[in-house]
N, C-alpha and C. Protein backbone atom coordinates (compact mmCIF):
# COMPACT_ATOMS: atom_id res chain seq x y z
N MET A 1 14.52 -144.86 25.61
CA MET A 1 13.01 -145.91 24.64
C MET A 1 12.63 -144.51 23.62
N THR A 2 12.55 -145.39 22.40
CA THR A 2 12.38 -144.29 21.06
C THR A 2 10.88 -144.55 20.55
N LYS A 3 10.23 -143.58 20.46
CA LYS A 3 9.19 -143.43 19.40
C LYS A 3 9.67 -143.70 17.70
N THR A 4 7.92 -144.17 17.47
CA THR A 4 8.37 -144.38 16.14
C THR A 4 7.00 -143.74 15.26
N LYS A 5 7.02 -143.36 14.31
CA LYS A 5 5.85 -142.51 13.69
C LYS A 5 5.28 -143.40 12.90
N THR A 6 4.21 -143.42 13.34
CA THR A 6 3.62 -143.94 11.92
C THR A 6 2.75 -143.72 11.40
N ALA A 7 2.34 -142.46 11.63
CA ALA A 7 1.08 -142.33 10.25
C ALA A 7 2.23 -141.11 9.31
N ALA A 8 1.99 -141.07 8.68
CA ALA A 8 2.69 -140.59 7.13
C ALA A 8 2.74 -138.53 7.72
N ALA A 9 4.21 -138.32 7.80
CA ALA A 9 4.07 -137.13 7.58
C ALA A 9 3.03 -136.19 7.05
N THR A 10 2.66 -135.11 7.20
CA THR A 10 1.30 -133.86 7.01
C THR A 10 2.31 -132.76 6.75
N VAL A 11 1.59 -132.50 5.68
CA VAL A 11 1.81 -130.99 5.38
C VAL A 11 1.08 -129.69 5.26
N GLY A 12 1.07 -129.15 6.53
CA GLY A 12 -0.42 -127.75 6.75
C GLY A 12 0.16 -126.72 6.75
N VAL A 13 -0.85 -125.20 6.70
CA VAL A 13 -0.92 -124.19 6.20
C VAL A 13 0.63 -123.44 7.08
N SER A 14 0.92 -123.74 8.12
CA SER A 14 2.06 -123.58 8.80
C SER A 14 3.34 -123.79 7.69
N ASP A 15 3.60 -124.81 7.72
CA ASP A 15 4.35 -125.33 6.63
C ASP A 15 4.33 -124.78 5.16
N LEU A 16 3.22 -124.86 4.90
CA LEU A 16 3.39 -123.88 3.47
C LEU A 16 3.56 -122.16 3.40
N GLU A 17 2.96 -121.68 4.70
CA GLU A 17 3.62 -120.20 5.00
C GLU A 17 5.23 -120.52 4.74
N LYS A 18 5.78 -121.15 5.34
CA LYS A 18 7.34 -120.78 5.36
C LYS A 18 7.95 -121.34 4.24
N GLU A 19 7.52 -121.84 2.99
CA GLU A 19 7.95 -122.97 1.81
C GLU A 19 7.92 -121.31 0.96
N PHE A 20 6.56 -120.79 1.01
CA PHE A 20 5.75 -119.77 0.01
C PHE A 20 5.70 -118.36 0.75
N GLY A 21 6.31 -118.04 2.29
CA GLY A 21 6.15 -116.76 3.02
C GLY A 21 5.28 -116.49 2.66
N LEU A 22 4.21 -116.46 2.81
CA LEU A 22 2.27 -115.98 2.68
C LEU A 22 1.83 -116.93 4.30
N GLN A 23 1.07 -115.41 4.46
CA GLN A 23 0.28 -115.16 5.28
C GLN A 23 -0.64 -116.62 5.05
N GLY A 24 -0.87 -117.38 6.84
CA GLY A 24 -2.31 -118.48 6.17
C GLY A 24 -3.49 -117.79 5.56
N ARG A 25 -3.83 -116.75 6.28
CA ARG A 25 -5.20 -116.16 5.91
C ARG A 25 -5.09 -116.38 4.03
N VAL A 26 -3.66 -115.93 3.17
CA VAL A 26 -3.80 -115.59 1.92
C VAL A 26 -4.11 -116.72 1.41
N ILE A 27 -3.29 -118.06 2.10
CA ILE A 27 -3.19 -119.41 1.57
C ILE A 27 -4.59 -119.91 1.16
N ARG A 28 -4.90 -119.82 2.40
CA ARG A 28 -6.62 -120.38 2.71
C ARG A 28 -7.69 -119.33 1.26
N GLN A 29 -7.74 -118.36 0.90
CA GLN A 29 -8.63 -118.06 0.66
C GLN A 29 -7.90 -118.24 -1.12
N VAL A 30 -6.49 -118.54 -1.04
CA VAL A 30 -6.27 -118.02 -2.71
C VAL A 30 -6.52 -120.10 -2.88
N LEU A 31 -6.50 -120.80 -1.97
CA LEU A 31 -7.02 -122.49 -2.65
C LEU A 31 -8.58 -122.76 -2.33
N ARG A 32 -9.13 -121.62 -2.05
CA ARG A 32 -10.79 -121.54 -1.97
C ARG A 32 -10.85 -121.17 -2.87
N LYS A 33 -10.62 -119.92 -3.99
CA LYS A 33 -10.45 -119.14 -4.97
C LYS A 33 -10.23 -120.00 -5.92
N ALA A 34 -9.44 -120.93 -6.02
CA ALA A 34 -9.07 -121.78 -7.29
C ALA A 34 -10.47 -123.23 -6.70
N GLY A 35 -11.40 -123.21 -6.00
CA GLY A 35 -12.03 -124.48 -5.96
C GLY A 35 -11.81 -125.17 -5.30
N LEU A 36 -10.65 -125.17 -3.95
CA LEU A 36 -9.86 -126.44 -3.14
C LEU A 36 -11.19 -125.73 -2.02
N LYS A 37 -11.28 -127.48 -1.31
CA LYS A 37 -11.60 -127.19 0.32
C LYS A 37 -10.73 -127.50 1.60
N ALA A 38 -10.75 -127.62 2.51
CA ALA A 38 -10.12 -128.19 3.48
C ALA A 38 -10.08 -129.71 2.88
N PRO A 39 -9.42 -130.89 3.10
CA PRO A 39 -9.65 -131.97 3.45
C PRO A 39 -10.99 -132.30 4.76
N LYS A 40 -11.48 -132.92 4.48
CA LYS A 40 -11.96 -133.89 6.15
C LYS A 40 -10.98 -134.45 6.68
N THR A 41 -11.52 -134.56 7.36
CA THR A 41 -11.03 -135.04 8.74
C THR A 41 -11.44 -136.56 9.50
N GLY A 42 -12.87 -136.46 8.83
CA GLY A 42 -13.35 -137.61 10.12
C GLY A 42 -13.75 -137.75 11.15
N ILE A 43 -13.58 -136.52 11.88
CA ILE A 43 -13.69 -136.21 12.90
C ILE A 43 -15.21 -136.43 13.03
N GLU A 44 -15.91 -137.19 14.13
CA GLU A 44 -17.59 -137.27 14.66
C GLU A 44 -17.74 -136.24 15.86
N GLY A 45 -18.79 -135.23 15.92
CA GLY A 45 -18.74 -134.79 16.96
C GLY A 45 -18.23 -133.48 17.65
N PHE A 46 -17.88 -133.24 18.57
CA PHE A 46 -16.18 -131.97 18.76
C PHE A 46 -15.45 -132.27 18.44
N GLY A 47 -15.37 -131.06 17.69
CA GLY A 47 -13.77 -130.89 16.51
C GLY A 47 -13.83 -130.26 15.45
N PRO A 48 -12.31 -130.00 14.77
CA PRO A 48 -12.77 -129.40 13.49
C PRO A 48 -13.21 -130.46 12.58
N ARG A 49 -14.06 -130.86 11.57
CA ARG A 49 -14.57 -131.05 10.66
C ARG A 49 -13.37 -131.39 9.41
N ALA A 50 -12.52 -130.38 9.28
CA ALA A 50 -11.87 -130.67 8.07
C ALA A 50 -10.73 -129.52 8.25
N ARG A 51 -9.73 -129.91 7.62
CA ARG A 51 -8.27 -129.08 7.65
C ARG A 51 -7.66 -128.99 6.79
N TYR A 52 -7.02 -128.03 7.15
CA TYR A 52 -6.47 -127.98 5.52
C TYR A 52 -4.86 -128.18 5.61
N GLU A 53 -4.63 -129.42 5.54
CA GLU A 53 -3.34 -130.90 5.79
C GLU A 53 -3.63 -131.86 4.87
N TRP A 54 -2.35 -131.98 4.41
CA TRP A 54 -2.24 -132.67 3.39
C TRP A 54 -0.93 -133.72 3.59
N THR A 55 -1.13 -134.78 2.62
CA THR A 55 -0.55 -135.74 3.55
C THR A 55 1.05 -135.54 2.33
N GLU A 56 2.45 -135.61 2.96
CA GLU A 56 3.47 -135.57 2.06
C GLU A 56 3.55 -136.10 1.14
N GLY A 57 3.79 -135.90 -0.59
CA GLY A 57 3.80 -136.73 -1.39
C GLY A 57 2.65 -136.92 -2.19
N SER A 58 1.34 -136.55 -1.57
CA SER A 58 0.36 -136.82 -2.20
C SER A 58 0.00 -135.73 -3.62
N LYS A 59 -1.51 -136.12 -4.32
CA LYS A 59 -1.83 -135.66 -5.18
C LYS A 59 -1.89 -134.51 -5.20
N ASP A 60 -2.59 -134.24 -4.06
CA ASP A 60 -3.67 -132.86 -3.71
C ASP A 60 -2.50 -132.00 -3.34
N LEU A 61 -1.35 -132.41 -2.37
CA LEU A 61 -0.74 -131.71 -2.29
C LEU A 61 0.68 -131.01 -3.21
N GLN A 62 0.16 -132.03 -3.99
CA GLN A 62 1.53 -131.43 -5.86
C GLN A 62 0.50 -130.10 -6.20
N GLN A 63 -1.16 -130.72 -6.32
CA GLN A 63 -2.22 -129.39 -7.00
C GLN A 63 -1.76 -128.00 -6.28
N VAL A 64 -2.11 -127.97 -4.58
CA VAL A 64 -1.70 -127.08 -3.43
C VAL A 64 -0.47 -126.23 -4.34
N ARG A 65 0.54 -126.95 -4.12
CA ARG A 65 1.75 -126.64 -4.42
C ARG A 65 1.83 -125.77 -5.58
N SER A 66 1.40 -126.23 -6.19
CA SER A 66 1.18 -125.57 -7.50
C SER A 66 0.59 -124.22 -8.17
N ILE A 67 -0.43 -124.35 -7.27
CA ILE A 67 -1.24 -123.40 -6.99
C ILE A 67 -0.68 -121.90 -6.44
N LEU A 68 -0.27 -122.39 -5.20
CA LEU A 68 0.49 -121.17 -4.78
C LEU A 68 1.92 -121.17 -5.20
N GLN A 69 2.12 -121.54 -6.04
CA GLN A 69 3.20 -121.18 -7.33
C GLN A 69 2.74 -120.41 -7.37
N GLU A 70 2.21 -120.06 -8.90
CA GLU A 70 1.45 -119.87 -9.41
C GLU A 70 0.90 -118.71 -8.72
N PHE A 71 0.08 -118.64 -8.05
CA PHE A 71 -0.23 -117.18 -7.35
C PHE A 71 1.52 -115.98 -6.69
N VAL A 72 2.23 -117.02 -6.82
CA VAL A 72 3.44 -116.39 -5.80
C VAL A 72 4.26 -115.90 -7.35
N SER A 73 4.33 -115.97 -7.89
CA SER A 73 5.16 -116.09 -9.29
C SER A 73 3.81 -114.94 -9.99
N SER A 74 2.67 -114.81 -10.04
CA SER A 74 2.68 -113.93 -10.86
C SER A 74 2.07 -112.84 -10.42
N ARG A 75 1.98 -112.81 -8.90
CA ARG A 75 2.10 -111.31 -7.78
C ARG A 75 2.99 -110.63 -8.28
N GLY A 76 4.15 -110.72 -8.33
CA GLY A 76 5.06 -109.45 -8.00
C GLY A 76 4.36 -108.38 -7.87
N ASP A 77 4.68 -107.25 -8.71
CA ASP A 77 4.65 -105.95 -8.44
C ASP A 77 3.06 -105.77 -8.10
N ALA A 78 2.79 -106.54 -7.93
CA ALA A 78 0.76 -106.54 -8.22
C ALA A 78 -0.05 -105.76 -6.76
N HIS A 79 0.83 -105.88 -5.67
CA HIS A 79 0.70 -105.64 -4.46
C HIS A 79 0.55 -103.67 -4.76
N ARG A 80 1.56 -103.21 -5.24
CA ARG A 80 1.77 -102.10 -5.62
C ARG A 80 1.06 -101.45 -6.42
N SER A 81 0.81 -101.67 -7.45
CA SER A 81 0.07 -101.18 -8.33
C SER A 81 -1.24 -100.30 -7.95
N GLY A 82 -2.11 -100.69 -6.75
CA GLY A 82 -3.45 -100.40 -6.79
C GLY A 82 -2.63 -98.96 -6.24
N ARG A 83 -1.69 -98.79 -5.38
CA ARG A 83 -1.52 -97.23 -5.00
C ARG A 83 -1.09 -96.45 -5.76
N THR A 84 -0.16 -96.26 -6.52
CA THR A 84 0.45 -95.68 -7.33
C THR A 84 0.03 -95.72 -8.55
N LYS A 85 -0.23 -94.36 -8.53
CA LYS A 85 -1.21 -94.04 -10.42
C LYS A 85 0.35 -93.63 -11.35
N ARG A 86 -0.09 -94.63 -12.71
CA ARG A 86 1.22 -94.36 -13.54
C ARG A 86 0.28 -93.99 -14.69
N VAL A 87 1.41 -92.95 -15.05
CA VAL A 87 0.70 -91.82 -16.24
C VAL A 87 1.73 -91.56 -17.21
N GLU A 88 1.05 -91.78 -18.57
CA GLU A 88 2.18 -92.50 -19.73
C GLU A 88 2.28 -90.84 -20.11
N VAL A 89 3.76 -90.68 -20.44
CA VAL A 89 4.26 -89.53 -21.17
C VAL A 89 3.77 -89.69 -22.45
N GLU A 90 2.99 -88.62 -23.34
CA GLU A 90 3.27 -88.86 -24.72
C GLU A 90 4.46 -88.22 -25.75
């Protein structure tokens, strides 16, 4: 007996962690700073009301990926700049 997938493939934070090499916490922070919120699940009562999940191929997911790509590319060695003091030689 084979099972068929009726729901479209969803992409969550765990998938984005593997794709971009970032922690889930960082991904959620970057998205919140960009003004995005977790999409509503439609669950009433007990359970999460919103989850960071998107349908594969959706415009929202394309926007999320572009925001994360921009963050990763702009990051560079920025995490090291706070620890080391640069001195210019005259």
